[in-house]
C-alpha atoms as a PDB file:
ATOM      1  CA  MET A   1     191.056 124.252  79.229  1.00  0.00           C
ATOM      2  CA  ARG A   2     194.050 121.970  79.337  1.00  0.00           C
ATOM      3  CA  ARG A   3     192.482 118.612  78.869  1.00  0.00           C
ATOM      4  CA  GLU A   4     192.096 115.735  76.481  1.00  0.00           C
ATOM      5  CA  ARG A   5     188.654 116.328  75.096  1.00  0.00           C
ATOM      6  CA  THR A   6     186.328 116.747  72.143  1.00  0.00           C
ATOM      7  CA  ARG A   7     183.564 119.280  72.537  1.00  0.00           C
ATOM      8  CA  HIS A   8     181.244 117.581  70.043  1.00  0.00           C
ATOM      9  CA  LEU A   9     180.557 113.880  70.407  1.00  0.00           C
ATOM     10  CA  THR A  10     179.662 112.627  66.967  1.00  0.00           C
ATOM     11  CA  GLY A  11     179.441 109.432  65.006  1.00  0.00           C
ATOM     12  CA  SER A  12     177.341 106.375  65.634  1.00  0.00           C
ATOM     13  CA  ALA A  13     177.933 103.258  67.613  1.00  0.00           C
ATOM     14  CA  GLY A  14     176.584 101.164  64.786  1.00  0.00           C
ATOM     15  CA  ARG A  15     175.400  97.583  65.018  1.00  0.00           C
ATOM     16  CA  GLY A  16     178.495  96.413  66.805  1.00  0.00           C
ATOM     17  CA  SER A  17     178.116  98.712  69.809  1.00  0.00           C
ATOM     18  CA  PRO A  18     177.275  97.331  73.253  1.00  0.00           C
ATOM     19  CA  GLN A  19     173.652  97.465  74.327  1.00  0.00           C
ATOM     20  CA  PRO A  20     172.883  99.734  77.286  1.00  0.00           C
ATOM     21  CA  ALA A  21     172.850  97.981  80.619  1.00  0.00           C
ATOM     22  CA  ALA A  22     169.598  97.887  82.525  1.00  0.00           C
ATOM     23  CA  ALA A  23     169.299 100.540  85.224  1.00  0.00           C
ATOM     24  CA  PRO A  24     170.222  98.927  88.546  1.00  0.00           C
ATOM     25  CA  GLU A  25     167.920  98.458  91.471  1.00  0.00           C
ATOM     26  CA  GLY A  26     169.368  98.900  94.941  1.00  0.00           C
ATOM     27  CA  GLY A  27     172.879  99.498  93.614  1.00  0.00           C
ATOM     28  CA  ALA A  28     173.134  96.209  91.701  1.00  0.00           C
ATOM     29  CA  ALA A  29     172.889  95.201  88.064  1.00  0.00           C
ATOM     30  CA  THR A  30     172.633  91.857  86.344  1.00  0.00           C
ATOM     31  CA  GLU A  31     175.760  90.683  84.532  1.00  0.00           C
ATOM     32  CA  GLY A  32     175.932  87.471  82.556  1.00  0.00           C
ATOM     33  CA  ALA A  33     173.673  84.606  83.547  1.00  0.00           C
ATOM     34  CA  GLY A  34     171.796  86.120  86.416  1.00  0.00           C
ATOM     35  CA  ARG A  35     174.873  87.139  88.445  1.00  0.00           C
ATOM     36  CA  GLU A  36     174.358  90.359  90.374  1.00  0.00           C
ATOM     37  CA  SER A  37     177.197  92.799  90.747  1.00  0.00           C
ATOM     38  CA  GLN A  38     177.816  96.009  92.622  1.00  0.00           C
ATOM     39  CA  LEU A  39     180.661  98.499  92.377  1.00  0.00           C
ATOM     40  CA  ALA A  40     183.257  98.422  95.101  1.00  0.00           C
ATOM     41  CA  PRO A  41     183.786 101.777  96.806  1.00  0.00           C
ATOM     42  CA  GLY A  42     186.310 104.097  95.211  1.00  0.00           C
ATOM     43  CA  LEU A  43     187.085 106.591  92.484  1.00  0.00           C
ATOM     44  CA  TYR A  44     186.601 105.269  88.943  1.00  0.00           C
ATOM     45  CA  LEU A  45     188.448 107.060  86.113  1.00  0.00           C
ATOM     46  CA  VAL A  46     186.269 106.316  83.102  1.00  0.00           C
ATOM     47  CA  ALA A  47     187.604 106.956  79.599  1.00  0.00           C
ATOM     48  CA  THR A  48     184.910 108.115  77.173  1.00  0.00           C
ATOM     49  CA  PRO A  49     184.876 108.413  73.356  1.00  0.00           C
ATOM     50  CA  ILE A  50     186.933 111.153  71.708  1.00  0.00           C
ATOM     51  CA  GLY A  51     184.442 111.332  68.862  1.00  0.00           C
ATOM     52  CA  ASN A  52     182.787 108.102  67.793  1.00  0.00           C
ATOM     53  CA  LEU A  53     180.344 106.946  70.461  1.00  0.00           C
ATOM     54  CA  GLY A  54     180.900 103.343  69.424  1.00  0.00           C
ATOM     55  CA  ASP A  55     184.266 103.473  71.198  1.00  0.00           C
ATOM     56  CA  ILE A  56     182.698 103.320  74.664  1.00  0.00           C
ATOM     57  CA  THR A  57     183.746 100.074  76.376  1.00  0.00           C
ATOM     58  CA  ARG A  58     181.388  97.613  78.029  1.00  0.00           C
ATOM     59  CA  ARG A  59     183.206  98.079  81.331  1.00  0.00           C
ATOM     60  CA  ALA A  60     182.883 101.874  81.108  1.00  0.00           C
ATOM     61  CA  GLU A  61     179.154 101.480  80.460  1.00  0.00           C
ATOM     62  CA  THR A  62     178.795  99.197  83.476  1.00  0.00           C
ATOM     63  CA  VAL A  63     180.613 101.634  85.759  1.00  0.00           C
ATOM     64  CA  LEU A  64     178.526 104.565  84.529  1.00  0.00           C
ATOM     65  CA  THR A  65     175.427 102.478  85.246  1.00  0.00           C
ATOM     66  CA  LEU A  66     176.386 101.451  88.764  1.00  0.00           C
ATOM     67  CA  ALA A  67     178.347 104.380  90.231  1.00  0.00           C
ATOM     68  CA  ASP A  68     176.660 106.338  93.007  1.00  0.00           C
ATOM     69  CA  LEU A  69     177.597 109.555  91.216  1.00  0.00           C
ATOM     70  CA  VAL A  70     178.988 110.432  87.774  1.00  0.00           C
ATOM     71  CA  VAL A  71     181.193 113.534  87.865  1.00  0.00           C
ATOM     72  CA  CYS A  72     181.853 115.391  84.614  1.00  0.00           C
ATOM     73  CA  GLU A  73     183.200 118.637  83.151  1.00  0.00           C
ATOM     74  CA  ASP A  74     180.060 119.658  81.259  1.00  0.00           C
ATOM     75  CA  ARG A  75     176.638 118.151  81.969  1.00  0.00           C
ATOM     76  CA  ARG A  76     175.480 118.794  78.383  1.00  0.00           C
ATOM     77  CA  VAL A  77     178.334 116.761  76.880  1.00  0.00           C
ATOM     78  CA  THR A  78     178.085 113.843  79.297  1.00  0.00           C
ATOM     79  CA  SER A  79     174.286 113.811  79.096  1.00  0.00           C
ATOM     80  CA  ARG A  80     174.536 113.155  75.350  1.00  0.00           C
ATOM     81  CA  LEU A  81     176.726 110.127  76.012  1.00  0.00           C
ATOM     82  CA  LEU A  82     174.392 108.837  78.725  1.00  0.00           C
ATOM     83  CA  ARG A  83     171.360 109.255  76.460  1.00  0.00           C
ATOM     84  CA  HIS A  84     173.185 107.253  73.783  1.00  0.00           C
ATOM     85  CA  LEU A  85     173.638 104.488  76.376  1.00  0.00           C
ATOM     86  CA  GLY A  86     170.033 104.721  77.517  1.00  0.00           C
ATOM     87  CA  LEU A  87     171.064 105.894  80.985  1.00  0.00           C
ATOM     88  CA  SER A  88     169.779 108.613  83.256  1.00  0.00           C
ATOM     89  CA  ARG A  89     172.239 109.275  86.084  1.00  0.00           C
ATOM     90  CA  PRO A  90     172.840 112.016  88.674  1.00  0.00           C
ATOM     91  CA  LEU A  91     175.667 114.228  87.428  1.00  0.00           C
ATOM     92  CA  GLY A  92     178.114 116.251  89.506  1.00  0.00           C
ATOM     93  CA  LEU A  93     180.509 118.842  88.119  1.00  0.00           C
ATOM     94  CA  TYR A  94     184.293 118.882  88.441  1.00  0.00           C
ATOM     95  CA  HIS A  95     186.304 121.226  86.207  1.00  0.00           C
ATOM     96  CA  GLU A  96     189.102 123.756  86.475  1.00  0.00           C
ATOM     97  CA  HIS A  97     186.788 126.522  87.696  1.00  0.00           C
ATOM     98  CA  ASN A  98     185.150 124.627  90.577  1.00  0.00           C
ATOM     99  CA  ALA A  99     187.748 121.960  91.390  1.00  0.00           C
ATOM    100  CA  GLU A 100     188.973 123.520  94.641  1.00  0.00           C
ATOM    101  CA  ALA A 101     185.443 123.771  96.030  1.00  0.00           C
ATOM    102  CA  ALA A 102     184.156 120.437  94.667  1.00  0.00           C
ATOM    103  CA  ARG A 103     187.123 118.271  95.650  1.00  0.00           C
ATOM    104  CA  PRO A 104     186.465 118.151  99.452  1.00  0.00           C
ATOM    105  CA  GLU A 105     182.850 117.117  98.899  1.00  0.00           C
ATOM    106  CA  LEU A 106     183.837 114.334  96.517  1.00  0.00           C
ATOM    107  CA  LEU A 107     186.545 113.088  98.870  1.00  0.00           C
ATOM    108  CA  ALA A 108     184.094 113.049 101.769  1.00  0.00           C
ATOM    109  CA  ARG A 109     181.686 110.952  99.698  1.00  0.00           C
ATOM    110  CA  LEU A 110     184.495 108.558  98.781  1.00  0.00           C
ATOM    111  CA  GLU A 111     185.721 108.258 102.381  1.00  0.00           C
ATOM    112  CA  ALA A 112     182.165 107.404 103.393  1.00  0.00           C
ATOM    113  CA  GLY A 113     182.292 104.368 101.091  1.00  0.00           C
ATOM    114  CA  GLY A 114     180.730 105.789  97.957  1.00  0.00           C
ATOM    115  CA  SER A 115     181.592 105.028  94.342  1.00  0.00           C
ATOM    116  CA  VAL A 116     182.286 108.002  92.076  1.00  0.00           C
ATOM    117  CA  ALA A 117     182.866 107.799  88.309  1.00  0.00           C
ATOM    118  CA  LEU A 118     184.969 110.676  86.953  1.00  0.00           C
ATOM    119  CA  VAL A 119     184.781 111.460  83.228  1.00  0.00           C
ATOM    120  CA  SER A 120     186.163 114.261  81.068  1.00  0.00           C
ATOM    121  CA  ASP A 121     184.296 115.675  78.086  1.00  0.00           C
ATOM    122  CA  ALA A 122     186.137 113.109  75.976  1.00  0.00           C
ATOM    123  CA  GLY A 123     189.106 110.781  76.305  1.00  0.00           C
ATOM    124  CA  THR A 124     190.831 109.706  79.491  1.00  0.00           C
ATOM    125  CA  PRO A 125     190.171 111.833  82.595  1.00  0.00           C
ATOM    126  CA  ALA A 126     193.053 113.326  84.593  1.00  0.00           C
ATOM    127  CA  VAL A 127     195.070 113.822  81.372  1.00  0.00           C
ATOM    128  CA  SER A 128     195.660 117.573  81.016  1.00  0.00           C
ATOM    129  CA  ASP A 129     192.804 118.425  83.369  1.00  0.00           C
ATOM    130  CA  PRO A 130     192.375 118.995  87.129  1.00  0.00           C
ATOM    131  CA  GLY A 131     191.225 115.418  87.648  1.00  0.00           C
ATOM    132  CA  TYR A 132     194.775 114.468  88.575  1.00  0.00           C
ATOM    133  CA  LYS A 133     194.515 116.575  91.765  1.00  0.00           C
ATOM    134  CA  LEU A 134     191.463 114.602  92.828  1.00  0.00           C
ATOM    135  CA  VAL A 135     193.315 111.355  92.097  1.00  0.00           C
ATOM    136  CA  ARG A 136     196.403 112.560  93.988  1.00  0.00           C
ATOM    137  CA  GLU A 137     194.378 113.398  97.084  1.00  0.00           C
ATOM    138  CA  ALA A 138     192.415 110.144  96.896  1.00  0.00           C
ATOM    139  CA  VAL A 139     195.659 108.163  96.782  1.00  0.00           C
ATOM    140  CA  ARG A 140     197.067 110.193  99.684  1.00  0.00           C
ATOM    141  CA  ARG A 141     193.990 109.348 101.790  1.00  0.00           C
ATOM    142  CA  GLY A 142     194.108 105.652 100.949  1.00  0.00           C
ATOM    143  CA  ILE A 143     190.985 105.737  98.757  1.00  0.00           C
ATOM    144  CA  ARG A 144     190.978 103.058  96.068  1.00  0.00           C
ATOM    145  CA  VAL A 145     191.359 104.423  92.517  1.00  0.00           C
ATOM    146  CA  HIS A 146     190.115 102.233  89.649  1.00  0.00           C
ATOM    147  CA  PRO A 147     191.312 103.080  86.097  1.00  0.00           C
ATOM    148  CA  ILE A 148     188.752 102.170  83.436  1.00  0.00           C
ATOM    149  CA  PRO A 149     190.904 102.439  80.296  1.00  0.00           C
ATOM    150  CA  GLY A 150     189.669 103.407  76.869  1.00  0.00           C
ATOM    151  CA  PRO A 151     190.023 106.129  74.233  1.00  0.00           C
ATOM    152  CA  SER A 152     192.946 108.554  74.320  1.00  0.00           C
ATOM    153  CA  ALA A 153     193.505 111.168  71.610  1.00  0.00           C
ATOM    154  CA  ALA A 154     197.248 111.309  72.256  1.00  0.00           C
ATOM    155  CA  LEU A 155     197.799 107.560  71.943  1.00  0.00           C
ATOM    156  CA  ALA A 156     195.448 107.251  68.980  1.00  0.00           C
ATOM    157  CA  ALA A 157     197.450 109.908  67.139  1.00  0.00           C
ATOM    158  CA  LEU A 158     200.779 108.325  68.077  1.00  0.00           C
ATOM    159  CA  VAL A 159     199.999 104.808  66.905  1.00  0.00           C
ATOM    160  CA  ALA A 160     198.510 106.039  63.607  1.00  0.00           C
ATOM    161  CA  SER A 161     201.309 108.515  62.838  1.00  0.00           C
ATOM    162  CA  GLY A 162     203.953 106.094  61.631  1.00  0.00           C
ATOM    163  CA  LEU A 163     206.516 107.836  63.872  1.00  0.00           C
ATOM    164  CA  PRO A 164     208.515 105.954  66.544  1.00  0.00           C
ATOM    165  CA  THR A 165     206.339 104.608  69.358  1.00  0.00           C
ATOM    166  CA  ASP A 166     208.975 102.967  71.543  1.00  0.00           C
ATOM    167  CA  ARG A 167     209.631 106.194  73.454  1.00  0.00           C
ATOM    168  CA  PHE A 168     207.359 109.234  73.578  1.00  0.00           C
ATOM    169  CA  LEU A 169     206.703 112.326  75.686  1.00  0.00           C
ATOM    170  CA  PHE A 170     203.251 113.799  76.180  1.00  0.00           C
ATOM    171  CA  GLN A 171     203.508 117.575  76.489  1.00  0.00           C
ATOM    172  CA  GLY A 172     199.841 118.494  76.111  1.00  0.00           C
ATOM    173  CA  PHE A 173     199.148 122.138  75.311  1.00  0.00           C
ATOM    174  CA  LEU A 174     202.051 124.534  74.819  1.00  0.00           C
ATOM    175  CA  PRO A 175     201.765 128.115  76.139  1.00  0.00           C
ATOM    176  CA  PRO A 176     199.627 130.368  73.921  1.00  0.00           C
ATOM    177  CA  ARG A 177     202.229 133.159  73.612  1.00  0.00           C
ATOM    178  CA  SER A 178     205.064 132.592  71.150  1.00  0.00           C
ATOM    179  CA  SER A 179     207.897 133.601  73.495  1.00  0.00           C
ATOM    180  CA  ALA A 180     206.761 131.223  76.250  1.00  0.00           C
ATOM    181  CA  ARG A 181     205.984 128.524  73.698  1.00  0.00           C
ATOM    182  CA  ARG A 182     209.512 128.712  72.299  1.00  0.00           C
ATOM    183  CA  ARG A 183     211.014 128.437  75.772  1.00  0.00           C
ATOM    184  CA  VAL A 184     209.141 125.178  76.371  1.00  0.00           C
ATOM    185  CA  LEU A 185     210.132 123.892  72.930  1.00  0.00           C
ATOM    186  CA  GLU A 186     213.764 124.683  73.763  1.00  0.00           C
ATOM    187  CA  GLU A 187     213.457 122.398  76.794  1.00  0.00           C
ATOM    188  CA  LEU A 188     212.071 119.657  74.544  1.00  0.00           C
ATOM    189  CA  ALA A 189     214.617 120.094  71.740  1.00  0.00           C
ATOM    190  CA  THR A 190     217.055 117.449  72.987  1.00  0.00           C
ATOM    191  CA  VAL A 191     214.481 114.934  74.249  1.00  0.00           C
ATOM    192  CA  ARG A 192     215.071 111.760  72.260  1.00  0.00           C
ATOM    193  CA  ALA A 193     211.435 110.755  72.049  1.00  0.00           C
ATOM    194  CA  THR A 194     208.425 111.349  69.846  1.00  0.00           C
ATOM    195  CA  LEU A 195     206.582 114.433  71.102  1.00  0.00           C
ATOM    196  CA  LEU A 196     202.793 114.581  71.518  1.00  0.00           C
ATOM    197  CA  LEU A 197     201.254 118.053  71.618  1.00  0.00           C
ATOM    198  CA  PHE A 198     197.679 119.297  71.822  1.00  0.00           C
ATOM    199  CA  GLU A 199     196.837 122.541  70.044  1.00  0.00           C
ATOM    200  CA  ALA A 200     193.868 124.778  69.377  1.00  0.00           C
ATOM    201  CA  PRO A 201     192.984 125.211  65.673  1.00  0.00           C
ATOM    202  CA  HIS A 202     193.563 128.983  65.620  1.00  0.00           C
ATOM    203  CA  ARG A 203     197.132 128.563  66.945  1.00  0.00           C
ATOM    204  CA  LEU A 204     198.168 125.579  64.833  1.00  0.00           C
ATOM    205  CA  ALA A 205     200.129 127.425  62.118  1.00  0.00           C
ATOM    206  CA  GLU A 206     201.986 129.604  64.646  1.00  0.00           C
ATOM    207  CA  THR A 207     202.868 126.640  66.843  1.00  0.00           C
ATOM    208  CA  LEU A 208     204.161 124.645  63.867  1.00  0.00           C
ATOM    209  CA  ALA A 209     206.310 127.613  62.789  1.00  0.00           C
ATOM    210  CA  ASP A 210     207.762 127.994  66.284  1.00  0.00           C
ATOM    211  CA  ALA A 211     208.384 124.243  66.494  1.00  0.00           C
ATOM    212  CA  ALA A 212     210.197 124.261  63.141  1.00  0.00           C
ATOM    213  CA  ALA A 213     212.356 127.193  64.260  1.00  0.00           C
ATOM    214  CA  VAL A 214     213.309 125.605  67.573  1.00  0.00           C
ATOM    215  CA  LEU A 215     213.289 121.854  66.870  1.00  0.00           C
ATOM    216  CA  GLY A 216     214.377 121.936  63.231  1.00  0.00           C
ATOM    217  CA  ASP A 217     212.456 120.642  60.237  1.00  0.00           C
ATOM    218  CA  ARG A 218     211.580 117.265  61.738  1.00  0.00           C
ATOM    219  CA  PRO A 219     209.002 114.829  60.366  1.00  0.00           C
ATOM    220  CA  ALA A 220     205.603 115.415  61.941  1.00  0.00           C
ATOM    221  CA  VAL A 221     201.953 114.406  61.609  1.00  0.00           C
ATOM    222  CA  ILE A 222     198.835 116.465  62.248  1.00  0.00           C
ATOM    223  CA  ALA A 223     196.047 114.247  63.634  1.00  0.00           C
ATOM    224  CA  ARG A 224     192.686 115.998  63.445  1.00  0.00           C
ATOM    225  CA  GLU A 225     189.127 114.938  64.299  1.00  0.00           C
ATOM    226  CA  LEU A 226     190.230 111.417  65.256  1.00  0.00           C
ATOM    227  CA  THR A 227     187.480 108.764  65.084  1.00  0.00           C
ATOM    228  CA  LYS A 228     185.071 111.288  63.530  1.00  0.00           C
ATOM    229  CA  LEU A 229     183.595 111.575  60.056  1.00  0.00           C
ATOM    230  CA  HIS A 230     186.272 114.029  58.855  1.00  0.00           C
ATOM    231  CA  GLU A 231     189.243 112.296  60.491  1.00  0.00           C
ATOM    232  CA  GLU A 232     192.563 113.451  59.019  1.00  0.00           C
ATOM    233  CA  LEU A 233     196.165 112.306  59.452  1.00  0.00           C
ATOM    234  CA  ARG A 234     198.438 114.695  57.556  1.00  0.00           C
ATOM    235  CA  PRO A 235     202.157 113.848  57.408  1.00  0.00           C
ATOM    236  CA  GLY A 236     204.949 116.226  56.455  1.00  0.00           C
ATOM    237  CA  THR A 237     207.712 118.160  58.167  1.00  0.00           C
ATOM    238  CA  LEU A 238     207.231 120.902  60.724  1.00  0.00           C
ATOM    239  CA  GLY A 239     208.246 123.512  58.159  1.00  0.00           C
ATOM    240  CA  SER A 240     206.055 122.245  55.331  1.00  0.00           C
ATOM    241  CA  LEU A 241     203.061 121.791  57.611  1.00  0.00           C
ATOM    242  CA  ALA A 242     203.519 125.288  59.052  1.00  0.00           C
ATOM    243  CA  ALA A 243     203.513 126.756  55.533  1.00  0.00           C
ATOM    244  CA  ALA A 244     200.488 124.701  54.500  1.00  0.00           C
ATOM    245  CA  TYR A 245     198.337 125.690  57.482  1.00  0.00           C
ATOM    246  CA  ALA A 246     199.445 129.327  57.282  1.00  0.00           C
ATOM    247  CA  THR A 247     197.766 129.622  53.878  1.00  0.00           C
ATOM    248  CA  ALA A 248     194.922 127.114  54.269  1.00  0.00           C
ATOM    249  CA  GLY A 249     192.972 128.985  56.920  1.00  0.00           C
ATOM    250  CA  THR A 250     191.988 127.800  60.382  1.00  0.00           C
ATOM    251  CA  PRO A 251     191.253 124.060  60.475  1.00  0.00           C
ATOM    252  CA  LYS A 252     188.302 122.674  62.403  1.00  0.00           C
ATOM    253  CA  GLY A 253     188.214 120.196  65.231  1.00  0.00           C
ATOM    254  CA  GLU A 254     190.505 118.739  67.881  1.00  0.00           C
ATOM    255  CA  ILE A 255     194.190 118.515  66.973  1.00  0.00           C
ATOM    256  CA  VAL A 256     197.182 116.442  68.088  1.00  0.00           C
ATOM    257  CA  ILE A 257     200.647 117.262  66.735  1.00  0.00           C
ATOM    258  CA  VAL A 258     203.029 114.295  66.628  1.00  0.00           C
ATOM    259  CA  VAL A 259     206.701 115.237  66.184  1.00  0.00           C
ATOM    260  CA  ALA A 260     209.530 112.816  65.411  1.00  0.00           C
ATOM    261  CA  PRO A 261     212.487 112.646  67.810  1.00  0.00           C
ATOM    262  CA  PRO A 262     215.796 114.254  66.789  1.00  0.00           C
ATOM    263  CA  GLU A 263     218.222 112.088  64.894  1.00  0.00           C
ATOM    264  CA  ALA A 264     220.921 110.677  67.160  1.00  0.00           C
ATOM    265  CA  PRO A 265     224.240 112.321  66.209  1.00  0.00           C
ATOM    266  CA  ALA A 266     227.689 110.901  66.662  1.00  0.00           C
ATOM    267  CA  VAL A 267     229.120 112.420  69.841  1.00  0.00           C
ATOM    268  CA  VAL A 268     231.695 115.126  69.085  1.00  0.00           C
ATOM    269  CA  GLU A 269     234.526 114.845  71.607  1.00  0.00           C
ATOM    270  CA  ASP A 270     236.626 117.831  70.412  1.00  0.00           C
ATOM    271  CA  ASP A 271     235.916 120.659  72.893  1.00  0.00           C
ATOM    272  CA  ALA A 272     237.402 123.293  70.586  1.00  0.00           C
ATOM    273  CA  ALA A 273     235.092 122.230  67.757  1.00  0.00           C
ATOM    274  CA  VAL A 274     232.104 122.306  70.111  1.00  0.00           C
ATOM    275  CA  ASP A 275     233.031 125.811  71.265  1.00  0.00           C
ATOM    276  CA  ARG A 276     233.219 126.973  67.650  1.00  0.00           C
ATOM    277  CA  LEU A 277     229.728 125.637  67.019  1.00  0.00           C
ATOM    278  CA  LEU A 278     228.465 127.308  70.184  1.00  0.00           C
ATOM    279  CA  ALA A 279     230.050 130.622  69.256  1.00  0.00           C
ATOM    280  CA  ALA A 280     228.418 130.512  65.828  1.00  0.00           C
ATOM    281  CA  ALA A 281     225.011 129.651  67.322  1.00  0.00           C
ATOM    282  CA  LEU A 282     225.326 132.420  69.919  1.00  0.00           C
ATOM    283  CA  ARG A 283     225.530 135.037  67.170  1.00  0.00           C
ATOM    284  CA  THR A 284     221.805 134.585  66.517  1.00  0.00           C
ATOM    285  CA  LYS A 285     220.409 132.688  69.511  1.00  0.00           C
ATOM    286  CA  ARG A 286     220.143 132.931  73.271  1.00  0.00           C
ATOM    287  CA  PRO A 287     222.495 130.634  75.252  1.00  0.00           C
ATOM    288  CA  ARG A 288     219.854 128.016  76.089  1.00  0.00           C
ATOM    289  CA  LEU A 289     218.618 127.728  72.514  1.00  0.00           C
ATOM    290  CA  ALA A 290     222.190 127.720  71.194  1.00  0.00           C
ATOM    291  CA  ALA A 291     223.079 124.948  73.643  1.00  0.00           C
ATOM    292  CA  GLY A 292     220.079 122.888  72.547  1.00  0.00           C
ATOM    293  CA  GLU A 293     220.957 123.288  68.884  1.00  0.00           C
ATOM    294  CA  VAL A 294     224.579 122.268  69.417  1.00  0.00           C
ATOM    295  CA  ALA A 295     223.549 119.394  71.683  1.00  0.00           C
ATOM    296  CA  ALA A 296     221.344 118.030  68.902  1.00  0.00           C
ATOM    297  CA  ALA A 297     224.225 118.337  66.432  1.00  0.00           C
ATOM    298  CA  THR A 298     227.004 116.924  68.614  1.00  0.00           C
ATOM    299  CA  GLY A 299     225.368 114.477  71.012  1.00  0.00           C
ATOM    300  CA  ARG A 300     226.781 116.386  73.970  1.00  0.00           C
ATOM    301  CA  SER A 301     224.758 117.160  77.105  1.00  0.00           C
ATOM    302  CA  ALA A 302     222.525 120.221  76.736  1.00  0.00           C
ATOM    303  CA  ASN A 303     223.174 121.192  80.376  1.00  0.00           C
ATOM    304  CA  GLU A 304     226.928 121.018  79.885  1.00  0.00           C
ATOM    305  CA  LEU A 305     226.697 123.048  76.674  1.00  0.00           C
ATOM    306  CA  TYR A 306     224.463 125.649  78.328  1.00  0.00           C
ATOM    307  CA  LYS A 307     227.181 126.275  80.937  1.00  0.00           C
ATOM    308  CA  ARG A 308     229.788 126.518  78.174  1.00  0.00           C
ATOM    309  CA  ALA A 309     227.550 128.899  76.233  1.00  0.00           C
ATOM    310  CA  LEU A 310     227.179 131.160  79.290  1.00  0.00           C
ATOM    311  CA  ALA A 311     230.943 131.140  79.760  1.00  0.00           C
ATOM    312  CA  LEU A 312     231.514 132.001  76.086  1.00  0.00           C
ATOM    313  CA  SER A 313     228.948 134.817  76.259  1.00  0.00           C
ATOM    314  CA  ALA A 314     230.604 136.252  79.374  1.00  0.00           C
ATOM    315  CA  ARG A 315     234.018 136.041  77.699  1.00  0.00           C
ATOM    316  CA  GLU A 316     232.711 137.923  74.668  1.00  0.00           C
ATOM    317  CA  ARG A 317     231.315 140.698  76.848  1.00  0.00           C
ATOM    318  CA  SER A 318     234.525 141.136  78.879  1.00  0.00           C
END
């Protein structure tokens, strides 16, 4: 499934974790010095821990306590979190296999004035999962959407990577087949931003090799099992990391690949020189990949160079 998640919630909240809120009576719970509070109607997007249960926020706990319904991807996963918080709540299901059927029922509940808390198995809901379609339709119907921010595997990996954080692009999962994966990487080759990718453990080495071939041997970091006992942040280059994981066997756990942006080249203004570079690249690469490679080397527009590459290819064939 294309989502930000961790299948196994591990770790311990420790002494510093928030205490579970008391189960509400009549839709209200006590907050602070005797003040009673109740959730306003709407859809609540509740971020949950990506590994360590101590990362649940007090606000997330309150919303999970008070919402009319908690909607999750997998009841087993969310039930473990609720047990950790000392909560027993009604759970609905919303995932990629039932989203089309479940969405109208949830929207009807929301339009009737209910409060629904949406969670993913781990991390921030609606990131790489069908939750965004529920959010989109809620917004279209004028239903209030409340973000309850918290853990995010992509952002946790980015800020710990040591790579530039001022501009980044979240790609999520790349296609599983190498040919399709390379086509997407070609589109990303000239993006001047740090790239954030999710990947399954059994495809990690192949994806790193494809990324090195298409993007060049850029600096990169593999972030694995974030916030868990065996958390790992492994820096290197795409090429060196691909070689390391090709021989090390399949790693375990949830993985984020963080890739540095391309170095900004000086713009080459000489059209004849650019055409020579394109012609050389076209001997071994398709026009789009050749254009991306030359764009990275010259600072010229990839779209402009793609048109020039097509023209050069047509000239060679005539």
